C-alpha atoms as a PDB file:
ATOM      1  CA  MET A   1      64.257  80.922 155.047  1.00  0.00           C
ATOM      2  CA  LYS A   2      64.997  78.386 152.477  1.00  0.00           C
ATOM      3  CA  ASN A   3      63.325  78.456 149.081  1.00  0.00           C
ATOM      4  CA  GLU A   4      60.493  75.830 148.834  1.00  0.00           C
ATOM      5  CA  THR A   5      61.485  73.214 146.230  1.00  0.00           C
ATOM      6  CA  PRO A   6      58.594  72.704 143.883  1.00  0.00           C
ATOM      7  CA  MET A   7      56.994  69.324 144.025  1.00  0.00           C
ATOM      8  CA  ILE A   8      56.203  67.444 140.862  1.00  0.00           C
ATOM      9  CA  VAL A   9      52.641  66.332 140.245  1.00  0.00           C
ATOM     10  CA  LYS A  10      51.773  64.143 137.214  1.00  0.00           C
ATOM     11  CA  LEU A  11      48.389  64.713 135.634  1.00  0.00           C
ATOM     12  CA  GLU A  12      47.155  61.482 133.984  1.00  0.00           C
ATOM     13  CA  SER A  13      43.879  62.617 132.682  1.00  0.00           C
ATOM     14  CA  VAL A  14      41.967  65.661 131.469  1.00  0.00           C
ATOM     15  CA  THR A  15      39.729  65.247 134.445  1.00  0.00           C
ATOM     16  CA  ASP A  16      42.858  65.771 136.811  1.00  0.00           C
ATOM     17  CA  ILE A  17      43.219  69.168 135.203  1.00  0.00           C
ATOM     18  CA  HIS A  18      39.656  70.167 136.120  1.00  0.00           C
ATOM     19  CA  ARG A  19      39.875  68.688 139.563  1.00  0.00           C
ATOM     20  CA  ILE A  20      43.140  70.607 140.424  1.00  0.00           C
ATOM     21  CA  ALA A  21      41.819  73.777 138.897  1.00  0.00           C
ATOM     22  CA  GLY A  22      38.660  73.522 140.944  1.00  0.00           C
ATOM     23  CA  LEU A  23      36.404  73.095 137.837  1.00  0.00           C
ATOM     24  CA  SER A  24      33.435  70.831 137.294  1.00  0.00           C
ATOM     25  CA  GLY A  25      34.113  67.794 135.112  1.00  0.00           C
ATOM     26  CA  PRO A  26      35.186  68.194 131.425  1.00  0.00           C
ATOM     27  CA  LEU A  27      32.577  67.979 128.685  1.00  0.00           C
ATOM     28  CA  HIS A  28      34.674  65.478 126.952  1.00  0.00           C
ATOM     29  CA  PRO A  29      36.872  62.883 128.883  1.00  0.00           C
ATOM     30  CA  MET A  30      39.909  63.208 126.477  1.00  0.00           C
ATOM     31  CA  ILE A  31      39.999  66.934 125.402  1.00  0.00           C
ATOM     32  CA  THR A  32      39.159  70.193 127.169  1.00  0.00           C
ATOM     33  CA  LEU A  33      39.501  73.922 126.603  1.00  0.00           C
ATOM     34  CA  ILE A  34      40.056  76.120 129.692  1.00  0.00           C
ATOM     35  CA  ASP A  35      40.447  79.904 129.891  1.00  0.00           C
ATOM     36  CA  ALA A  36      43.508  81.366 131.592  1.00  0.00           C
ATOM     37  CA  ILE A  37      41.507  82.857 134.465  1.00  0.00           C
ATOM     38  CA  GLU A  38      40.123  79.399 135.383  1.00  0.00           C
ATOM     39  CA  LEU A  39      43.719  78.134 135.848  1.00  0.00           C
ATOM     40  CA  LEU A  40      44.673  80.667 138.586  1.00  0.00           C
ATOM     41  CA  ASP A  41      44.170  78.172 141.455  1.00  0.00           C
ATOM     42  CA  MET A  42      46.960  76.031 139.905  1.00  0.00           C
ATOM     43  CA  CYS A  43      49.446  78.911 140.211  1.00  0.00           C
ATOM     44  CA  ARG A  44      49.489  79.424 143.963  1.00  0.00           C
ATOM     45  CA  ALA A  45      51.302  76.344 145.121  1.00  0.00           C
ATOM     46  CA  PRO A  46      55.025  75.629 144.390  1.00  0.00           C
ATOM     47  CA  VAL A  47      54.158  72.771 142.028  1.00  0.00           C
ATOM     48  CA  ASN A  48      55.463  71.674 138.682  1.00  0.00           C
ATOM     49  CA  TYR A  49      53.296  69.590 136.433  1.00  0.00           C
ATOM     50  CA  VAL A  50      54.115  66.647 134.161  1.00  0.00           C
ATOM     51  CA  LEU A  51      51.179  66.275 131.744  1.00  0.00           C
ATOM     52  CA  SER A  52      50.179  62.973 130.010  1.00  0.00           C
ATOM     53  CA  PHE A  53      48.656  64.914 127.166  1.00  0.00           C
ATOM     54  CA  TYR A  54      49.291  67.593 124.648  1.00  0.00           C
ATOM     55  CA  LYS A  55      48.777  71.266 125.654  1.00  0.00           C
ATOM     56  CA  ILE A  56      48.430  74.171 123.354  1.00  0.00           C
ATOM     57  CA  THR A  57      48.091  77.614 124.916  1.00  0.00           C
ATOM     58  CA  LEU A  58      47.057  80.876 123.150  1.00  0.00           C
ATOM     59  CA  VAL A  59      47.966  83.886 125.065  1.00  0.00           C
ATOM     60  CA  THR A  60      46.112  87.020 123.986  1.00  0.00           C
ATOM     61  CA  LYS A  61      47.192  89.420 126.568  1.00  0.00           C
ATOM     62  CA  MET A  62      49.959  89.523 129.304  1.00  0.00           C
ATOM     63  CA  ASP A  63      51.457  92.186 131.423  1.00  0.00           C
ATOM     64  CA  GLY A  64      54.909  93.114 130.037  1.00  0.00           C
ATOM     65  CA  LYS A  65      56.562  91.219 127.200  1.00  0.00           C
ATOM     66  CA  PHE A  66      57.719  87.677 126.664  1.00  0.00           C
ATOM     67  CA  ARG A  67      61.431  87.248 126.337  1.00  0.00           C
ATOM     68  CA  TYR A  68      62.732  85.784 123.042  1.00  0.00           C
ATOM     69  CA  GLY A  69      66.139  84.284 123.758  1.00  0.00           C
ATOM     70  CA  GLN A  70      68.145  87.291 124.996  1.00  0.00           C
ATOM     71  CA  GLY A  71      65.696  89.863 123.694  1.00  0.00           C
ATOM     72  CA  HIS A  72      61.936  90.558 123.456  1.00  0.00           C
ATOM     73  CA  TYR A  73      59.587  89.306 120.773  1.00  0.00           C
ATOM     74  CA  ASP A  74      58.324  91.877 118.189  1.00  0.00           C
ATOM     75  CA  PHE A  75      54.634  91.132 118.185  1.00  0.00           C
ATOM     76  CA  ASP A  76      52.466  92.118 121.050  1.00  0.00           C
ATOM     77  CA  ASP A  77      49.301  90.660 119.576  1.00  0.00           C
ATOM     78  CA  GLY A  78      49.521  87.101 121.007  1.00  0.00           C
ATOM     79  CA  SER A  79      51.637  83.968 121.428  1.00  0.00           C
ATOM     80  CA  LEU A  80      51.275  80.152 121.120  1.00  0.00           C
ATOM     81  CA  VAL A  81      53.119  77.840 123.489  1.00  0.00           C
ATOM     82  CA  PHE A  82      53.120  74.022 123.000  1.00  0.00           C
ATOM     83  CA  ALA A  83      53.921  71.073 125.318  1.00  0.00           C
ATOM     84  CA  ALA A  84      53.994  67.271 124.636  1.00  0.00           C
ATOM     85  CA  PRO A  85      53.091  64.392 126.890  1.00  0.00           C
ATOM     86  CA  ASN A  86      55.460  63.675 129.741  1.00  0.00           C
ATOM     87  CA  GLN A  87      57.217  67.071 129.667  1.00  0.00           C
ATOM     88  CA  ILE A  88      57.760  68.969 132.814  1.00  0.00           C
ATOM     89  CA  VAL A  89      55.879  72.143 131.977  1.00  0.00           C
ATOM     90  CA  GLY A  90      56.402  74.031 135.159  1.00  0.00           C
ATOM     91  CA  LYS A  91      53.603  75.890 136.748  1.00  0.00           C
ATOM     92  CA  ILE A  92      50.596  76.276 134.587  1.00  0.00           C
ATOM     93  CA  GLU A  93      50.774  79.983 134.882  1.00  0.00           C
ATOM     94  CA  ALA A  94      48.038  82.440 134.344  1.00  0.00           C
ATOM     95  CA  PRO A  95      49.150  85.862 135.727  1.00  0.00           C
ATOM     96  CA  ALA A  96      46.309  87.951 137.186  1.00  0.00           C
ATOM     97  CA  ASN A  97      46.150  90.299 134.127  1.00  0.00           C
ATOM     98  CA  SER A  98      46.616  87.679 131.486  1.00  0.00           C
ATOM     99  CA  GLU A  99      44.117  86.496 128.962  1.00  0.00           C
ATOM    100  CA  GLY A 100      44.215  83.393 126.918  1.00  0.00           C
ATOM    101  CA  VAL A 101      43.082  79.782 126.632  1.00  0.00           C
ATOM    102  CA  SER A 102      44.571  76.320 126.729  1.00  0.00           C
ATOM    103  CA  ILE A 103      43.569  73.057 124.944  1.00  0.00           C
ATOM    104  CA  PHE A 104      44.549  69.863 126.705  1.00  0.00           C
ATOM    105  CA  ILE A 105      44.408  66.736 124.345  1.00  0.00           C
ATOM    106  CA  HIS A 106      44.992  63.213 125.569  1.00  0.00           C
ATOM    107  CA  PRO A 107      46.893  61.260 122.929  1.00  0.00           C
ATOM    108  CA  ASP A 108      44.137  58.596 122.895  1.00  0.00           C
ATOM    109  CA  PHE A 109      41.748  61.247 121.467  1.00  0.00           C
ATOM    110  CA  LEU A 110      43.810  61.061 118.240  1.00  0.00           C
ATOM    111  CA  LEU A 111      43.968  57.282 117.875  1.00  0.00           C
ATOM    112  CA  GLY A 112      42.624  55.944 114.504  1.00  0.00           C
ATOM    113  CA  TYR A 113      43.392  59.377 112.758  1.00  0.00           C
ATOM    114  CA  PRO A 114      46.686  60.121 110.804  1.00  0.00           C
ATOM    115  CA  LEU A 115      47.217  63.117 113.240  1.00  0.00           C
ATOM    116  CA  ALA A 116      48.129  60.489 115.968  1.00  0.00           C
ATOM    117  CA  GLY A 117      51.426  59.948 114.246  1.00  0.00           C
ATOM    118  CA  LYS A 118      51.794  63.208 112.424  1.00  0.00           C
ATOM    119  CA  ILE A 119      51.602  65.187 115.640  1.00  0.00           C
ATOM    120  CA  LYS A 120      55.012  63.882 116.796  1.00  0.00           C
ATOM    121  CA  GLN A 121      56.604  65.359 113.775  1.00  0.00           C
ATOM    122  CA  PHE A 122      55.957  68.910 114.907  1.00  0.00           C
ATOM    123  CA  GLY A 123      59.214  69.891 116.569  1.00  0.00           C
ATOM    124  CA  PHE A 124      57.658  72.957 118.285  1.00  0.00           C
ATOM    125  CA  PHE A 125      56.095  70.701 120.875  1.00  0.00           C
ATOM    126  CA  SER A 126      59.592  70.293 122.289  1.00  0.00           C
ATOM    127  CA  TYR A 127      60.430  74.066 122.336  1.00  0.00           C
ATOM    128  CA  ALA A 128      60.649  75.954 125.521  1.00  0.00           C
ATOM    129  CA  ALA A 129      58.408  78.755 126.706  1.00  0.00           C
ATOM    130  CA  ASN A 130      60.899  81.478 125.655  1.00  0.00           C
ATOM    131  CA  GLU A 131      60.756  79.963 122.102  1.00  0.00           C
ATOM    132  CA  ALA A 132      56.982  80.566 121.790  1.00  0.00           C
ATOM    133  CA  LEU A 133      55.370  81.369 118.561  1.00  0.00           C
ATOM    134  CA  HIS A 134      54.702  85.056 118.547  1.00  0.00           C
ATOM    135  CA  LEU A 135      51.759  86.198 116.439  1.00  0.00           C
ATOM    136  CA  SER A 136      50.821  89.169 114.385  1.00  0.00           C
ATOM    137  CA  GLU A 137      47.303  90.485 114.682  1.00  0.00           C
ATOM    138  CA  GLN A 138      46.157  88.617 111.655  1.00  0.00           C
ATOM    139  CA  GLU A 139      47.767  85.350 112.706  1.00  0.00           C
ATOM    140  CA  ARG A 140      46.198  85.718 116.234  1.00  0.00           C
ATOM    141  CA  ALA A 141      42.814  86.160 114.536  1.00  0.00           C
ATOM    142  CA  THR A 142      43.372  82.974 112.607  1.00  0.00           C
ATOM    143  CA  MET A 143      44.194  81.054 115.693  1.00  0.00           C
ATOM    144  CA  GLU A 144      41.330  82.478 117.663  1.00  0.00           C
ATOM    145  CA  SER A 145      38.972  81.399 115.067  1.00  0.00           C
ATOM    146  CA  ILE A 146      40.251  77.756 115.307  1.00  0.00           C
ATOM    147  CA  PHE A 147      39.963  77.811 119.101  1.00  0.00           C
ATOM    148  CA  SER A 148      36.462  79.251 118.853  1.00  0.00           C
ATOM    149  CA  ILE A 149      35.274  76.332 116.544  1.00  0.00           C
ATOM    150  CA  ILE A 150      36.836  73.770 118.961  1.00  0.00           C
ATOM    151  CA  ARG A 151      34.944  75.476 121.884  1.00  0.00           C
ATOM    152  CA  GLU A 152      31.739  75.533 119.994  1.00  0.00           C
ATOM    153  CA  GLU A 153      31.978  71.788 119.316  1.00  0.00           C
ATOM    154  CA  LEU A 154      32.731  70.959 122.935  1.00  0.00           C
ATOM    155  CA  ASN A 155      30.033  73.291 124.259  1.00  0.00           C
ATOM    156  CA  SER A 156      27.122  72.596 121.996  1.00  0.00           C
ATOM    157  CA  ARG A 157      27.163  69.519 119.922  1.00  0.00           C
ATOM    158  CA  ILE A 158      29.128  66.547 120.972  1.00  0.00           C
ATOM    159  CA  ASP A 159      27.963  63.843 118.532  1.00  0.00           C
ATOM    160  CA  ASP A 160      29.352  61.217 116.151  1.00  0.00           C
ATOM    161  CA  PHE A 161      31.050  63.944 114.070  1.00  0.00           C
ATOM    162  CA  SER A 162      32.576  66.098 116.885  1.00  0.00           C
ATOM    163  CA  ARG A 163      35.827  64.185 117.129  1.00  0.00           C
ATOM    164  CA  GLU A 164      36.340  64.316 113.395  1.00  0.00           C
ATOM    165  CA  VAL A 165      35.639  68.088 113.300  1.00  0.00           C
ATOM    166  CA  ILE A 166      37.867  68.812 116.402  1.00  0.00           C
ATOM    167  CA  ILE A 167      40.757  66.785 114.947  1.00  0.00           C
ATOM    168  CA  ALA A 168      40.603  68.550 111.672  1.00  0.00           C
ATOM    169  CA  GLN A 169      40.685  71.887 113.465  1.00  0.00           C
ATOM    170  CA  LEU A 170      43.733  70.735 115.402  1.00  0.00           C
ATOM    171  CA  GLU A 171      45.493  69.682 112.396  1.00  0.00           C
ATOM    172  CA  LEU A 172      44.704  73.022 110.755  1.00  0.00           C
ATOM    173  CA  LEU A 173      45.963  74.761 113.851  1.00  0.00           C
ATOM    174  CA  LEU A 174      49.305  72.897 113.760  1.00  0.00           C
ATOM    175  CA  SER A 175      49.755  73.544 109.982  1.00  0.00           C
ATOM    176  CA  TYR A 176      49.257  77.191 110.504  1.00  0.00           C
ATOM    177  CA  ALA A 177      51.737  77.104 113.493  1.00  0.00           C
ATOM    178  CA  LYS A 178      54.368  75.542 111.283  1.00  0.00           C
ATOM    179  CA  ARG A 179      53.812  78.174 108.741  1.00  0.00           C
ATOM    180  CA  PHE A 180      53.969  81.019 111.286  1.00  0.00           C
ATOM    181  CA  TYR A 181      57.085  79.777 112.857  1.00  0.00           C
ATOM    182  CA  LYS A 182      58.605  79.830 109.470  1.00  0.00           C
ATOM    183  CA  ARG A 183      57.697  83.423 109.279  1.00  0.00           C
ATOM    184  CA  GLN A 184      59.103  84.008 112.775  1.00  0.00           C
ATOM    185  CA  PHE A 185      62.464  82.567 111.715  1.00  0.00           C
ATOM    186  CA  LEU A 186      62.536  84.849 108.679  1.00  0.00           C
ATOM    187  CA  THR A 187      61.611  88.017 110.521  1.00  0.00           C
ATOM    188  CA  ARG A 188      64.217  87.396 113.112  1.00  0.00           C
ATOM    189  CA  GLN A 189      66.950  87.253 110.518  1.00  0.00           C
ATOM    190  CA  VAL A 190      69.343  89.475 112.365  1.00  0.00           C
ATOM    191  CA  ILE A 191      68.906  87.550 115.622  1.00  0.00           C
ATOM    192  CA  ASN A 192      69.277  84.253 113.760  1.00  0.00           C
ATOM    193  CA  ASN A 193      72.451  85.360 112.057  1.00  0.00           C
ATOM    194  CA  ASP A 194      73.961  86.219 115.381  1.00  0.00           C
ATOM    195  CA  LEU A 195      72.938  82.721 116.495  1.00  0.00           C
ATOM    196  CA  LEU A 196      74.654  81.157 113.435  1.00  0.00           C
ATOM    197  CA  GLN A 197      77.780  83.110 114.317  1.00  0.00           C
ATOM    198  CA  GLN A 198      77.632  82.093 117.982  1.00  0.00           C
ATOM    199  CA  PHE A 199      77.070  78.448 116.936  1.00  0.00           C
ATOM    200  CA  GLU A 200      80.138  78.486 114.715  1.00  0.00           C
ATOM    201  CA  GLU A 201      82.291  80.169 117.332  1.00  0.00           C
ATOM    202  CA  LEU A 202      81.203  77.594 120.073  1.00  0.00           C
ATOM    203  CA  LEU A 203      81.906  74.689 117.659  1.00  0.00           C
ATOM    204  CA  ASN A 204      85.390  75.990 116.897  1.00  0.00           C
ATOM    205  CA  GLN A 205      86.111  76.511 120.560  1.00  0.00           C
ATOM    206  CA  TYR A 206      84.773  73.037 121.346  1.00  0.00           C
ATOM    207  CA  PHE A 207      87.048  71.321 118.837  1.00  0.00           C
ATOM    208  CA  GLU A 208      90.013  73.398 120.052  1.00  0.00           C
ATOM    209  CA  GLU A 209      89.575  72.911 123.732  1.00  0.00           C
ATOM    210  CA  LYS A 210      87.123  70.100 124.670  1.00  0.00           C
ATOM    211  CA  ALA A 211      86.857  67.369 122.009  1.00  0.00           C
ATOM    212  CA  VAL A 212      89.946  65.394 123.045  1.00  0.00           C
ATOM    213  CA  ASN A 213      88.763  64.974 126.579  1.00  0.00           C
ATOM    214  CA  SER A 214      84.993  65.276 126.267  1.00  0.00           C
ATOM    215  CA  GLY A 215      84.288  63.546 123.008  1.00  0.00           C
ATOM    216  CA  MET A 216      82.108  64.687 120.106  1.00  0.00           C
ATOM    217  CA  PRO A 217      80.007  67.858 120.607  1.00  0.00           C
ATOM    218  CA  THR A 218      76.353  66.968 120.891  1.00  0.00           C
ATOM    219  CA  VAL A 219      73.268  68.859 119.703  1.00  0.00           C
ATOM    220  CA  GLN A 220      72.061  68.873 123.382  1.00  0.00           C
ATOM    221  CA  TYR A 221      75.321  70.482 124.563  1.00  0.00           C
ATOM    222  CA  MET A 222      75.296  73.079 121.840  1.00  0.00           C
ATOM    223  CA  ALA A 223      71.667  73.963 122.523  1.00  0.00           C
ATOM    224  CA  GLU A 224      72.111  74.149 126.326  1.00  0.00           C
ATOM    225  CA  THR A 225      75.227  76.444 125.989  1.00  0.00           C
ATOM    226  CA  LEU A 226      73.326  78.751 123.641  1.00  0.00           C
ATOM    227  CA  HIS A 227      70.194  78.629 125.764  1.00  0.00           C
ATOM    228  CA  TYR A 228      67.896  77.019 123.405  1.00  0.00           C
ATOM    229  CA  THR A 229      66.180  73.648 123.142  1.00  0.00           C
ATOM    230  CA  PRO A 230      67.683  71.117 120.652  1.00  0.00           C
ATOM    231  CA  ASN A 231      64.697  71.121 118.288  1.00  0.00           C
ATOM    232  CA  TYR A 232      64.440  74.904 118.180  1.00  0.00           C
ATOM    233  CA  LEU A 233      68.177  75.376 117.593  1.00  0.00           C
ATOM    234  CA  SER A 234      68.051  72.858 114.653  1.00  0.00           C
ATOM    235  CA  ASP A 235      64.966  74.478 113.110  1.00  0.00           C
ATOM    236  CA  MET A 236      66.448  78.004 113.330  1.00  0.00           C
ATOM    237  CA  LEU A 237      69.684  76.724 111.702  1.00  0.00           C
ATOM    238  CA  ARG A 238      67.784  74.882 109.078  1.00  0.00           C
ATOM    239  CA  SER A 239      65.828  78.061 108.214  1.00  0.00           C
ATOM    240  CA  LEU A 240      69.060  79.843 107.625  1.00  0.00           C
ATOM    241  CA  THR A 241      71.312  77.251 105.984  1.00  0.00           C
ATOM    242  CA  GLY A 242      69.250  74.302 105.182  1.00  0.00           C
ATOM    243  CA  LEU A 243      71.230  72.208 107.595  1.00  0.00           C
ATOM    244  CA  ASN A 244      70.154  71.224 111.133  1.00  0.00           C
ATOM    245  CA  ALA A 245      72.395  71.288 114.117  1.00  0.00           C
ATOM    246  CA  GLN A 246      73.719  67.708 113.755  1.00  0.00           C
ATOM    247  CA  GLN A 247      74.539  68.440 110.107  1.00  0.00           C
ATOM    248  CA  HIS A 248      76.407  71.568 111.108  1.00  0.00           C
ATOM    249  CA  ILE A 249      78.474  69.569 113.675  1.00  0.00           C
ATOM    250  CA  HIS A 250      79.400  67.032 110.936  1.00  0.00           C
ATOM    251  CA  GLN A 251      80.197  69.690 108.571  1.00  0.00           C
ATOM    252  CA  LYS A 252      82.597  71.391 111.025  1.00  0.00           C
ATOM    253  CA  LEU A 253      84.080  68.067 111.924  1.00  0.00           C
ATOM    254  CA  ILE A 254      84.872  67.227 108.347  1.00  0.00           C
ATOM    255  CA  GLU A 255      86.363  70.751 107.891  1.00  0.00           C
ATOM    256  CA  LYS A 256      88.550  70.306 110.952  1.00  0.00           C
ATOM    257  CA  SER A 257      89.663  66.723 109.939  1.00  0.00           C
ATOM    258  CA  LYS A 258      90.573  67.849 106.426  1.00  0.00           C
ATOM    259  CA  ASP A 259      92.693  70.620 108.057  1.00  0.00           C
ATOM    260  CA  LEU A 260      94.486  68.127 110.271  1.00  0.00           C
ATOM    261  CA  LEU A 261      94.960  65.530 107.533  1.00  0.00           C
ATOM    262  CA  SER A 262      96.395  68.035 105.075  1.00  0.00           C
ATOM    263  CA  THR A 263      98.583  70.159 107.256  1.00  0.00           C
ATOM    264  CA  THR A 264      99.847  67.928 110.117  1.00  0.00           C
ATOM    265  CA  SER A 265     101.638  64.630 110.398  1.00  0.00           C
ATOM    266  CA  LEU A 266      99.237  63.137 112.857  1.00  0.00           C
ATOM    267  CA  THR A 267      98.192  59.571 112.126  1.00  0.00           C
ATOM    268  CA  ILE A 268      94.586  58.938 111.175  1.00  0.00           C
ATOM    269  CA  ASN A 269      94.014  57.434 114.583  1.00  0.00           C
ATOM    270  CA  GLU A 270      95.400  60.532 116.197  1.00  0.00           C
ATOM    271  CA  VAL A 271      93.205  62.791 114.183  1.00  0.00           C
ATOM    272  CA  ALA A 272      90.131  60.729 115.183  1.00  0.00           C
ATOM    273  CA  TYR A 273      91.033  61.062 118.871  1.00  0.00           C
ATOM    274  CA  GLN A 274      91.745  64.750 118.642  1.00  0.00           C
ATOM    275  CA  LEU A 275      88.376  65.342 117.165  1.00  0.00           C
ATOM    276  CA  GLY A 276      86.644  63.509 119.959  1.00  0.00           C
ATOM    277  CA  PHE A 277      85.963  60.008 118.492  1.00  0.00           C
ATOM    278  CA  ASP A 278      86.457  56.991 120.765  1.00  0.00           C
ATOM    279  CA  TYR A 279      87.039  54.720 117.866  1.00  0.00           C
ATOM    280  CA  PRO A 280      89.025  55.644 114.801  1.00  0.00           C
ATOM    281  CA  GLN A 281      86.773  53.232 112.642  1.00  0.00           C
ATOM    282  CA  SER A 282      83.880  55.520 113.442  1.00  0.00           C
ATOM    283  CA  PHE A 283      85.814  58.566 112.205  1.00  0.00           C
ATOM    284  CA  SER A 284      86.849  56.824 109.037  1.00  0.00           C
ATOM    285  CA  ARG A 285      83.150  55.770 108.293  1.00  0.00           C
ATOM    286  CA  LEU A 286      81.792  59.295 108.745  1.00  0.00           C
ATOM    287  CA  PHE A 287      84.567  60.901 106.716  1.00  0.00           C
ATOM    288  CA  LYS A 288      84.091  58.452 103.797  1.00  0.00           C
ATOM    289  CA  LEU A 289      80.223  58.953 104.125  1.00  0.00           C
ATOM    290  CA  LYS A 290      80.599  62.688 103.813  1.00  0.00           C
ATOM    291  CA  THR A 291      83.410  63.034 101.323  1.00  0.00           C
ATOM    292  CA  LYS A 292      83.287  59.814  99.275  1.00  0.00           C
ATOM    293  CA  MET A 293      86.861  58.976 100.092  1.00  0.00           C
ATOM    294  CA  SER A 294      88.644  57.464 103.115  1.00  0.00           C
ATOM    295  CA  PRO A 295      90.884  59.668 105.284  1.00  0.00           C
ATOM    296  CA  ALA A 296      94.021  57.902 103.789  1.00  0.00           C
ATOM    297  CA  GLN A 297      92.901  58.612 100.307  1.00  0.00           C
ATOM    298  CA  PHE A 298      92.204  62.224 101.142  1.00  0.00           C
ATOM    299  CA  ARG A 299      95.621  62.578 102.650  1.00  0.00           C
ATOM    300  CA  SER A 300      97.307  60.972  99.508  1.00  0.00           C
ATOM    301  CA  THR A 301      95.964  63.781  97.330  1.00  0.00           C
ATOM    302  CA  PHE A 302      98.431  66.093  99.122  1.00  0.00           C
ATOM    303  CA  SER A 303     101.530  63.894  98.760  1.00  0.00           C
END
């Protein structure tokens, strides 16, 4: 029997979530808070969902452990998972023995407030599920208190101030998430150091074997090969070295180009092509930008 290919359903509104989950209409048309147990009906069909809104899920209990990259995360006290509009989030899963809550926020709810633009700067909305924010007991309590305030606002007093109060709580939640992700990067120093070594080895291998025929390595390629999302890979590398993934690629490229320019008789055009550039002019511009001298000037220092 063939595996059933999941169909893709786009959910345009908060009301769509309630309808598919078999719930009565939302208390607010642009934001809702739903407990995990209420999403069980959405898990039974082979359906993937594309959301037209932001989704923030706080998991407080789950059978087994979440995986973190190639291992398991070290806090069993809770997790946060984020999704941005127009991402395929897969099933909105809520296993039978899980506990948690999700907030669904339509982008229009944020219009007129600075958070409407600021929210796009939080890279963790593009992280994958296995790159969730894993919380300590104290961190979980902080997040639960914010979710509780939002729930109270939606359930008891929707008035002229509700939107302002909820948006303030969302901004606080995201600021804490940014802080806690920083802690997560630091507490996984050994894992992240391994990643840095793997990244460097992959870059070296790419320039040795692929660059001539496949062009410059991209952040997307590096992230997919290492089984991370591009944003998460860049943020982890930045926490270790201060440089994001693209900057690491450029650093390696300059290192390789200096080696070729100083130890071989390849022309500058040949060096550019060997490093994956389609146009030598692009190589020369990047080299001068990074080293403050042209490739020819750099080579002349060795003659």
